[in-house]
Protein backbone atom coordinates (compact mmCIF):
# COMPACT_ATOMS: atom_id res chain seq x y z
CA MET A 1 77.93 74.98 42.95
CA THR A 2 80.53 76.12 40.54
CA SER A 3 83.27 73.85 40.12
CA THR A 4 86.17 74.19 38.13
CA MET A 5 88.86 71.69 36.62
CA THR A 6 90.66 70.46 39.50
CA LYS A 7 93.30 67.06 37.92
CA THR A 8 95.32 64.98 40.48
CA PRO A 9 98.52 64.71 38.99
CA THR A 10 99.30 60.89 38.88
CA THR A 11 103.27 62.20 39.01
CA GLY A 12 105.27 65.53 39.12
CA GLY A 13 103.68 68.81 40.72
CA PRO A 14 105.58 71.04 42.49
CA ARG A 15 106.35 69.49 45.19
CA ALA A 16 106.93 65.73 44.18
CA ARG A 17 109.55 64.22 44.02
CA PRO A 18 110.88 62.41 40.83
CA GLY A 19 109.97 58.99 40.84
CA LYS A 20 107.43 59.36 42.73
CA LYS A 21 103.34 58.98 42.19
CA ASN A 22 101.32 61.99 43.86
CA PRO A 23 99.61 59.59 46.69
CA ARG A 24 95.94 60.81 46.37
CA ALA A 25 95.85 59.49 43.01
CA LYS A 26 96.76 55.98 44.25
CA ILE A 27 94.69 53.19 42.81
CA SER A 28 92.16 52.20 44.93
CA VAL A 29 91.65 48.68 44.43
CA PRO A 30 95.51 46.58 44.81
CA GLY A 31 96.42 44.08 42.44
CA ASN A 32 93.99 43.92 39.83
CA ARG A 33 91.63 41.93 41.89
CA GLY A 34 88.46 43.97 41.95
CA ILE A 35 85.09 43.27 40.15
CA LYS A 36 84.77 45.88 37.51
CA ILE A 37 81.35 47.04 36.07
CA VAL A 38 79.90 49.63 33.81
CA ARG A 39 77.25 50.70 32.73
CA ALA A 40 75.75 53.59 30.75
CA VAL A 41 72.52 55.24 29.92
CA THR A 42 71.26 58.05 27.39
CA ILE A 43 69.52 60.77 28.95
CA ARG A 44 67.45 63.00 27.13
CA LYS A 45 69.62 66.40 29.00
CA PRO A 46 72.27 68.55 28.24
CA ALA A 47 75.55 67.20 30.02
CA ALA A 48 76.01 70.34 32.05
CA GLU A 49 72.70 69.67 34.05
CA LEU A 50 73.33 65.80 34.29
CA TYR A 51 77.02 66.93 35.83
CA ARG A 52 75.74 69.56 38.44
CA PHE A 53 73.38 67.06 39.56
CA TRP A 54 76.10 64.05 39.73
CA ARG A 55 78.29 66.41 41.55
CA ASP A 56 76.22 67.53 44.37
CA LEU A 57 77.04 64.30 46.31
CA THR A 58 74.16 64.78 48.74
CA ASN A 59 71.49 64.32 45.73
CA LEU A 60 72.64 60.66 44.75
CA SER A 61 70.74 59.25 47.73
CA GLN A 62 67.70 60.22 45.55
CA VAL A 63 68.94 58.13 42.44
CA ILE A 64 70.36 55.04 44.60
CA ASN A 65 67.78 52.51 46.06
CA HIS A 66 69.27 51.10 49.21
CA PRO A 67 69.69 53.15 51.94
CA VAL A 68 72.60 55.29 51.82
CA THR A 69 74.14 58.49 53.92
CA ILE A 70 76.49 61.07 51.87
CA THR A 71 77.86 63.41 53.78
CA THR A 72 80.56 65.79 51.68
CA THR A 73 83.29 67.20 54.13
CA THR A 74 84.95 69.17 51.64
CA ASN A 75 84.48 69.49 48.07
CA GLU A 76 86.84 66.88 47.17
CA ASP A 77 86.35 64.61 50.15
CA SER A 78 82.81 62.59 51.23
CA HIS A 79 81.77 59.84 53.53
CA TRP A 80 79.81 57.09 52.84
CA LEU A 81 77.24 54.71 54.46
CA VAL A 82 75.54 52.10 52.77
CA SER A 83 73.40 49.35 53.51
CA ALA A 84 74.75 46.01 52.04
CA PRO A 85 74.31 42.56 52.85
CA GLY A 86 75.19 41.52 56.15
CA GLY A 87 74.94 45.12 57.15
CA ARG A 88 76.17 48.35 56.40
CA VAL A 89 79.86 49.55 55.12
CA GLU A 90 81.32 52.73 55.03
CA TRP A 91 84.31 54.98 53.10
CA ASP A 92 85.42 58.16 53.01
CA ALA A 93 86.37 59.01 49.39
CA ILE A 94 88.01 61.68 47.40
CA ILE A 95 87.20 62.71 43.87
CA ILE A 96 90.32 62.79 42.14
CA ASN A 97 89.29 63.81 38.60
CA ASP A 98 86.60 66.65 37.94
CA GLU A 99 86.24 68.20 34.55
CA PRO A 100 82.73 70.43 34.54
CA ASP A 101 80.40 68.63 32.44
CA ARG A 102 82.22 65.93 31.47
CA LEU A 103 84.16 63.92 34.10
CA ILE A 104 84.03 63.25 37.61
CA ALA A 105 86.67 60.86 38.65
CA TRP A 106 86.95 59.29 42.36
CA ARG A 107 88.65 56.37 44.75
CA SER A 108 87.64 55.42 48.48
CA ARG A 109 90.40 56.42 50.58
CA ALA A 110 92.42 54.11 52.30
CA GLY A 111 90.95 52.23 55.90
CA GLY A 112 86.93 51.53 54.55
CA ASP A 113 85.32 48.81 54.42
CA VAL A 114 84.84 48.50 50.84
CA ASP A 115 87.48 49.87 48.34
CA ASN A 116 86.33 51.41 44.82
CA ALA A 117 87.74 53.88 42.60
CA GLY A 118 85.84 54.77 39.63
CA THR A 119 84.27 57.39 36.77
CA VAL A 120 80.49 58.57 35.77
CA ARG A 121 81.16 60.78 32.32
CA PHE A 122 78.89 62.46 30.39
CA GLU A 123 79.49 62.48 26.57
CA ALA A 124 77.01 63.44 24.08
CA ALA A 125 74.83 61.21 22.55
CA PRO A 126 75.32 59.95 19.25
CA GLY A 127 72.37 61.43 17.25
CA ASP A 128 72.35 64.87 19.27
CA VAL A 129 69.59 63.18 21.06
CA GLY A 130 70.87 64.08 24.83
CA THR A 131 74.02 62.46 27.01
CA GLU A 132 75.67 59.95 27.07
CA VAL A 133 76.24 58.55 30.94
CA THR A 134 78.59 56.17 31.33
CA VAL A 135 79.26 54.10 35.27
CA ALA A 136 82.59 52.61 35.29
CA LEU A 137 83.09 51.12 38.55
CA GLU A 138 85.43 48.58 40.40
CA TYR A 139 85.79 47.67 44.00
CA ASP A 140 86.63 44.74 46.28
CA PRO A 141 83.19 43.82 48.02
CA PRO A 142 83.15 42.41 51.63
CA GLY A 143 83.29 39.23 52.01
CA GLY A 144 86.37 39.27 48.59
CA LYS A 145 84.66 37.25 45.75
CA LEU A 146 82.98 35.41 47.50
CA GLY A 147 80.44 37.76 48.96
CA ALA A 148 80.28 38.91 45.57
CA ALA A 149 78.87 35.52 44.27
CA ILE A 150 76.61 35.41 47.33
CA ALA A 151 74.97 39.24 46.49
CA LYS A 152 74.55 38.13 42.82
CA LEU A 153 71.97 35.87 44.22
CA THR A 154 69.88 38.53 45.44
CA ARG A 155 69.16 41.89 43.52
CA ASP A 156 72.42 43.28 45.85
CA ALA A 157 74.98 42.52 43.01
CA ALA A 158 76.88 45.95 42.18
CA GLY A 159 75.71 45.74 38.63
CA SER A 160 72.57 45.20 39.59
CA GLN A 161 72.44 48.72 41.55
CA VAL A 162 74.98 50.70 39.14
CA TYR A 163 72.03 49.56 36.57
CA ASP A 164 69.57 50.50 38.59
CA ALA A 165 70.57 54.22 39.67
CA LEU A 166 71.10 55.08 36.28
CA ARG A 167 67.57 54.41 35.27
CA ARG A 168 66.78 56.47 38.32
CA PHE A 169 68.54 58.70 37.58
CA LYS A 170 67.09 58.65 34.11
CA ALA A 171 63.54 59.11 34.74
CA LEU A 172 64.74 62.04 37.66
CA MET A 173 66.31 64.03 35.45
CA GLU A 174 63.77 63.47 32.26
CA SER A 175 60.44 63.42 34.06
CA GLY A 176 61.16 65.38 37.33
CA GLU A 177 60.78 61.77 39.56
CA SER A 178 61.97 58.78 40.24
CA PRO A 179 59.59 54.98 39.35
CA THR A 180 57.95 53.68 42.32
CA ILE A 181 56.37 51.04 43.67
CA GLU A 182 55.03 52.16 46.88
CA GLY A 183 51.61 53.22 47.18
CA GLN A 184 50.67 50.46 44.20
CA SER A 185 47.60 48.40 45.06
CA VAL A 186 48.55 44.59 45.41
CA SER A 187 45.42 42.26 43.62
CA LYS A 188 45.32 38.26 43.68
CA PRO A 189 46.16 36.48 40.89
CA GLN A 190 43.01 36.55 38.36
CA ARG A 191 41.23 32.83 38.97
CA GLN A 192 40.81 31.12 35.79
CA ARG A 193 36.58 30.34 34.72
CA LYS A 194 35.34 27.64 33.91
CA GLY A 195 35.83 26.15 30.57
CA GLN A 196 38.93 28.32 30.12
CA LYS A 197 42.36 26.63 29.94
């Protein structure tokens, strides 16, 4: 899938009225009430390859650890259905900035269960050792800040999920497979031998 640079202007454009912002570029987490997360990882692959994988949104289900269904409806629009503490959440998202091999930015559309917006950036890593992939995400969790606090008690905190997804993305891109413990044997704890402390 080849993509050209698409930027949604926040003001102006051929059909814009003076002083009016583009409704497609509105902030999806109003009032600065969202939870902000920034995580990064360096991957030993070129930015173009990593961007192509990420830009095909259906690929992301390979690196997101929770059950997720991502349906692309157009080149810029998608529908997300994700398992979350207390049930499933869903939303529609739109890509509002697409700079091939460099940046993908999105926001959720009004009416979803989770307002969210974010970017993923692909930048040359220091020392020419690959690409630094940075995800910046802002979201308004179901249940507000209380819901986020409860999620932090488990591995369901969004920061942990983003970190895990980036770690799995790195493994998949560098080795061709995602890390898993499925199929590994489980053993009993070893007993101490007599005379050992």
